[in-house]
Amino acid sequence: MANPISKYLHALQHLFFPHYCAGCGADFISTSEFLCSKCNHQLPYTRFMELEQNPVQKIFTGRIQIESAGALCYFTKSGLLQHILVQLKYRNNKNAGYFLGRLLGHALKQSERYQSVDLIIPMPLHPKKEFQRGYNQASVIGEGIRSVWNKPMVCDAVVRLVYTRSQTRETRSSRWENMEGVFRVTLPKLLLNKHILLIDDVVTTGASLEACGDAILEIPGTRLSIATVAYTI
């Protein structure tokens, strides 16, 4: 039986410091939750982590040697997931990234396809863009992954040399052209003979992930896998 004083204090805290669901705005969730149960069930999971020949894996077939690739959810315009990603990337809401990272981490932990991963590397941002945003959203997602999956993460092993504008309005071919010579490995000894998991928020054409993966695979003995929160249909 709950202590009456504890119940009173909890009610008082909720009155003065209400906590809302980041999806629908409901105020009946605990402070440890990011979404209410209804919104959680609305997330469009792909189950790609369990499937070897999934659409994300096929993006890279014939382009780059990949051990495993997958995405946690489908991305649709104006959907709940887009709303959460906007909060992460443009509303300074790191909790959105931790939440998505934990979900992705659980999926990776349960998948046999990713068990040999040695090291997590978040997709690097150019320093100018990271300064503007205040953080790298892929690194925040990575912290969420690490909170549930015991794998080391390194954020400075690969750097982005070229500042590129948002590619959301670019054609598929121009996205690939814009990625030439963008990334460089700065800590090659750390990656030597390692199975690297490259993570990002969204995969569309895979141009950025491929370019970064190419730089990683130049290090002897490296193997590469990819995981993202979302896959754009």
Protein backbone atom coordinates (compact mmCIF):
# COMPACT_ATOMS: atom_id res chain seq x y z
CA MET A 1 0.00 0.00 0.00
CA ALA A 2 1.38 3.38 -1.03
CA ASN A 3 2.37 5.80 1.69
CA PRO A 4 -0.28 8.58 1.85
CA ILE A 5 2.43 11.21 2.30
CA SER A 6 4.29 9.93 -0.80
CA LYS A 7 1.07 10.03 -2.82
CA TYR A 8 0.42 13.58 -1.64
CA LEU A 9 3.94 14.73 -2.51
CA HIS A 10 3.72 13.07 -5.91
CA ALA A 11 0.42 14.81 -6.63
CA LEU A 12 1.86 18.14 -5.48
CA GLN A 13 4.93 17.69 -7.70
CA HIS A 14 2.71 16.84 -10.68
CA LEU A 15 0.62 19.96 -10.01
CA PHE A 16 3.56 22.36 -10.03
CA PHE A 17 5.90 20.44 -12.38
CA PRO A 18 3.67 18.53 -14.81
CA HIS A 19 5.29 16.03 -17.15
CA TYR A 20 3.76 15.56 -20.59
CA CYS A 21 3.89 12.87 -23.24
CA ALA A 22 6.15 14.14 -26.04
CA GLY A 23 3.76 12.69 -28.59
CA CYS A 24 0.20 13.64 -27.65
CA GLY A 25 0.74 15.93 -24.67
CA ALA A 26 -1.07 13.72 -22.16
CA ASP A 27 -0.12 14.53 -18.56
CA PHE A 28 -0.77 11.16 -16.90
CA ILE A 29 2.68 9.62 -17.51
CA SER A 30 5.48 9.31 -14.96
CA THR A 31 8.55 11.54 -15.11
CA SER A 32 10.66 8.58 -16.27
CA GLU A 33 8.58 8.09 -19.43
CA PHE A 34 8.98 9.95 -22.71
CA LEU A 35 5.81 8.73 -24.44
CA CYS A 36 2.53 7.45 -23.08
CA SER A 37 1.60 3.82 -23.79
CA LYS A 38 -0.76 4.83 -26.59
CA CYS A 39 1.95 6.76 -28.46
CA ASN A 40 4.48 4.01 -27.84
CA HIS A 41 2.22 1.58 -29.66
CA GLN A 42 1.90 4.01 -32.58
CA LEU A 43 5.60 3.93 -33.43
CA PRO A 44 5.95 2.23 -36.87
CA TYR A 45 8.49 -0.50 -36.10
CA THR A 46 10.11 -2.22 -39.09
CA ARG A 47 11.54 -5.44 -37.55
CA PHE A 48 14.49 -4.97 -39.95
CA MET A 49 17.02 -5.84 -37.25
CA GLU A 50 15.83 -9.43 -37.41
CA LEU A 51 15.81 -9.68 -41.23
CA GLU A 52 19.01 -10.20 -43.18
CA GLN A 53 17.68 -9.04 -46.56
CA ASN A 54 15.75 -5.97 -45.46
CA PRO A 55 15.31 -2.75 -47.48
CA VAL A 56 18.10 -0.90 -45.63
CA GLN A 57 20.55 -3.74 -46.24
CA LYS A 58 19.63 -3.70 -49.94
CA ILE A 59 20.46 0.03 -50.22
CA PHE A 60 24.14 -0.80 -49.81
CA THR A 61 24.25 -4.04 -51.80
CA GLY A 62 26.87 -3.75 -54.53
CA ARG A 63 28.06 -0.39 -53.20
CA ILE A 64 29.88 -1.14 -49.94
CA GLN A 65 30.69 -4.25 -47.93
CA ILE A 66 28.23 -4.39 -45.04
CA GLU A 67 27.88 -7.08 -42.38
CA SER A 68 24.42 -6.01 -41.23
CA ALA A 69 22.20 -2.99 -41.78
CA GLY A 70 18.77 -2.04 -40.52
CA ALA A 71 16.49 0.67 -39.16
CA LEU A 72 14.22 0.61 -36.13
CA CYS A 73 11.18 2.43 -37.55
CA TYR A 74 9.63 3.69 -40.77
CA PHE A 75 9.80 7.45 -41.29
CA THR A 76 6.69 9.12 -42.67
CA LYS A 77 6.03 12.84 -43.06
CA SER A 78 3.89 14.34 -40.29
CA GLY A 79 4.06 11.09 -38.34
CA LEU A 80 4.87 10.65 -34.66
CA LEU A 81 8.48 9.67 -35.35
CA GLN A 82 9.08 12.80 -37.43
CA HIS A 83 7.70 14.85 -34.55
CA ILE A 84 10.19 13.24 -32.13
CA LEU A 85 13.13 13.65 -34.53
CA VAL A 86 12.29 17.33 -35.03
CA GLN A 87 12.42 17.79 -31.25
CA LEU A 88 15.83 16.14 -31.20
CA LYS A 89 17.40 17.97 -34.14
CA TYR A 90 15.78 21.40 -33.99
CA ARG A 91 14.18 21.87 -30.54
CA ASN A 92 17.20 21.10 -28.34
CA ASN A 93 15.43 18.08 -26.82
CA LYS A 94 18.16 15.57 -26.03
CA ASN A 95 15.69 13.38 -24.15
CA ALA A 96 14.15 12.56 -27.52
CA GLY A 97 17.51 11.17 -28.65
CA TYR A 98 18.07 9.18 -25.46
CA PHE A 99 14.59 7.70 -25.81
CA LEU A 100 15.10 6.69 -29.45
CA GLY A 101 18.57 5.39 -28.64
CA ARG A 102 17.24 3.13 -25.89
CA LEU A 103 14.65 1.70 -28.25
CA LEU A 104 17.31 1.09 -30.90
CA GLY A 105 19.67 -0.34 -28.30
CA HIS A 106 17.13 -2.92 -27.17
CA ALA A 107 16.57 -3.98 -30.79
CA LEU A 108 20.31 -4.30 -31.43
CA LYS A 109 20.87 -6.21 -28.20
CA GLN A 110 18.20 -8.74 -29.12
CA SER A 111 19.40 -9.22 -32.71
CA GLU A 112 21.86 -12.02 -33.42
CA ARG A 113 23.08 -10.08 -36.46
CA TYR A 114 24.83 -7.41 -34.34
CA GLN A 115 26.34 -9.42 -31.49
CA SER A 116 29.93 -9.31 -32.83
CA VAL A 117 30.02 -5.47 -32.90
CA ASP A 118 33.12 -4.15 -31.10
CA LEU A 119 32.65 -0.40 -31.30
CA ILE A 120 29.87 2.13 -31.95
CA ILE A 121 30.63 5.24 -34.02
CA PRO A 122 27.96 7.96 -34.42
CA MET A 123 27.75 9.63 -37.82
CA PRO A 124 29.94 12.74 -37.38
CA LEU A 125 28.65 16.26 -37.95
CA HIS A 126 30.78 19.05 -39.33
CA PRO A 127 32.03 21.19 -36.38
CA LYS A 128 30.11 24.22 -37.70
CA LYS A 129 26.82 22.33 -37.79
CA GLU A 130 27.44 20.72 -34.41
CA PHE A 131 28.16 24.17 -32.95
CA GLN A 132 24.94 25.54 -34.42
CA ARG A 133 22.88 22.63 -33.05
CA GLY A 134 24.75 22.38 -29.77
CA TYR A 135 25.36 18.63 -30.07
CA ASN A 136 25.50 15.77 -32.54
CA GLN A 137 22.11 14.04 -32.54
CA ALA A 138 23.70 10.72 -33.56
CA SER A 139 25.94 10.86 -30.48
CA VAL A 140 22.91 11.48 -28.26
CA ILE A 141 21.20 8.46 -29.82
CA GLY A 142 24.41 6.52 -29.19
CA GLU A 143 24.30 7.40 -25.49
CA GLY A 144 20.80 5.98 -25.36
CA ILE A 145 22.01 2.79 -27.05
CA ARG A 146 24.88 2.41 -24.58
CA SER A 147 22.52 2.76 -21.61
CA VAL A 148 20.91 -0.58 -22.52
CA TRP A 149 23.61 -2.33 -24.63
CA ASN A 150 27.09 -2.70 -23.18
CA LYS A 151 29.18 -1.60 -26.17
CA PRO A 152 31.86 1.14 -26.21
CA MET A 153 31.28 4.27 -28.30
CA VAL A 154 33.86 6.66 -29.76
CA CYS A 155 32.76 10.04 -31.13
CA ASP A 156 36.05 11.41 -32.46
CA ALA A 157 37.43 8.45 -34.44
CA VAL A 158 35.98 9.83 -37.69
CA VAL A 159 35.56 13.49 -38.61
CA ARG A 160 33.54 15.32 -41.21
CA LEU A 161 35.83 17.57 -43.25
CA VAL A 162 33.30 19.25 -45.52
CA TYR A 163 30.28 21.29 -44.47
CA THR A 164 27.27 20.17 -46.49
CA ARG A 165 23.87 21.79 -46.54
CA SER A 166 20.76 19.81 -45.67
CA GLN A 167 20.19 17.25 -48.41
CA THR A 168 16.45 16.81 -47.91
CA ARG A 169 15.75 18.69 -51.16
CA GLU A 170 18.59 17.14 -53.15
CA THR A 171 18.13 14.48 -55.80
CA ARG A 172 19.48 10.99 -55.17
CA SER A 173 22.36 11.44 -57.62
CA SER A 174 23.38 14.82 -56.21
CA ARG A 175 23.41 13.38 -52.68
CA TRP A 176 26.02 10.82 -53.75
CA GLU A 177 28.13 13.48 -55.52
CA ASN A 178 28.06 15.75 -52.44
CA MET A 179 29.61 13.05 -50.27
CA GLU A 180 32.95 12.65 -52.08
CA GLY A 181 35.90 13.22 -49.72
CA VAL A 182 33.71 14.33 -46.82
CA PHE A 183 35.00 12.00 -44.07
CA ARG A 184 38.40 11.04 -42.61
CA VAL A 185 39.43 8.57 -39.91
CA THR A 186 41.49 10.32 -37.21
CA LEU A 187 42.08 7.36 -34.86
CA PRO A 188 42.94 4.46 -37.19
CA LYS A 189 44.64 2.33 -34.51
CA LEU A 190 41.44 2.35 -32.49
CA LEU A 191 39.50 0.87 -35.41
CA LEU A 192 42.09 -1.69 -36.46
CA ASN A 193 40.54 -5.18 -36.84
CA LYS A 194 37.28 -4.02 -35.26
CA HIS A 195 33.66 -4.63 -36.20
CA ILE A 196 32.28 -1.07 -36.32
CA LEU A 197 28.63 -0.14 -35.92
CA LEU A 198 27.92 3.19 -37.64
CA ILE A 199 24.73 4.80 -36.32
CA ASP A 200 22.58 7.71 -37.49
CA ASP A 201 19.09 9.10 -37.08
CA VAL A 202 17.62 8.54 -40.58
CA VAL A 203 18.65 6.67 -43.72
CA THR A 204 17.24 7.73 -47.10
CA THR A 205 19.61 7.09 -49.99
CA GLY A 206 22.45 5.98 -47.71
CA ALA A 207 24.91 8.40 -49.37
CA SER A 208 26.32 9.84 -46.14
CA LEU A 209 26.50 6.46 -44.43
CA GLU A 210 28.26 4.93 -47.42
CA ALA A 211 30.82 7.74 -47.63
CA CYS A 212 31.59 7.49 -43.91
CA GLY A 213 31.66 3.69 -44.14
CA ASP A 214 34.14 3.85 -47.03
CA ALA A 215 36.53 5.87 -44.86
CA ILE A 216 36.18 3.37 -42.01
CA LEU A 217 36.76 0.34 -44.27
CA GLU A 218 40.08 1.79 -45.42
CA ILE A 219 41.47 0.75 -42.02
CA PRO A 220 42.87 -2.81 -42.20
CA GLY A 221 40.72 -5.56 -40.74
CA THR A 222 37.62 -3.44 -40.17
CA ARG A 223 34.12 -4.74 -40.69
CA LEU A 224 31.11 -2.45 -40.94
CA SER A 225 27.49 -2.61 -39.84
CA ILE A 226 24.89 0.16 -39.93
CA ALA A 227 21.87 0.95 -37.76
CA THR A 228 19.55 3.94 -37.83
CA VAL A 229 16.46 5.00 -35.95
CA ALA A 230 14.42 5.56 -39.09
CA TYR A 231 14.14 4.47 -42.71
CA THR A 232 12.48 6.82 -45.19
CA ILE A 233 9.94 5.03 -47.33
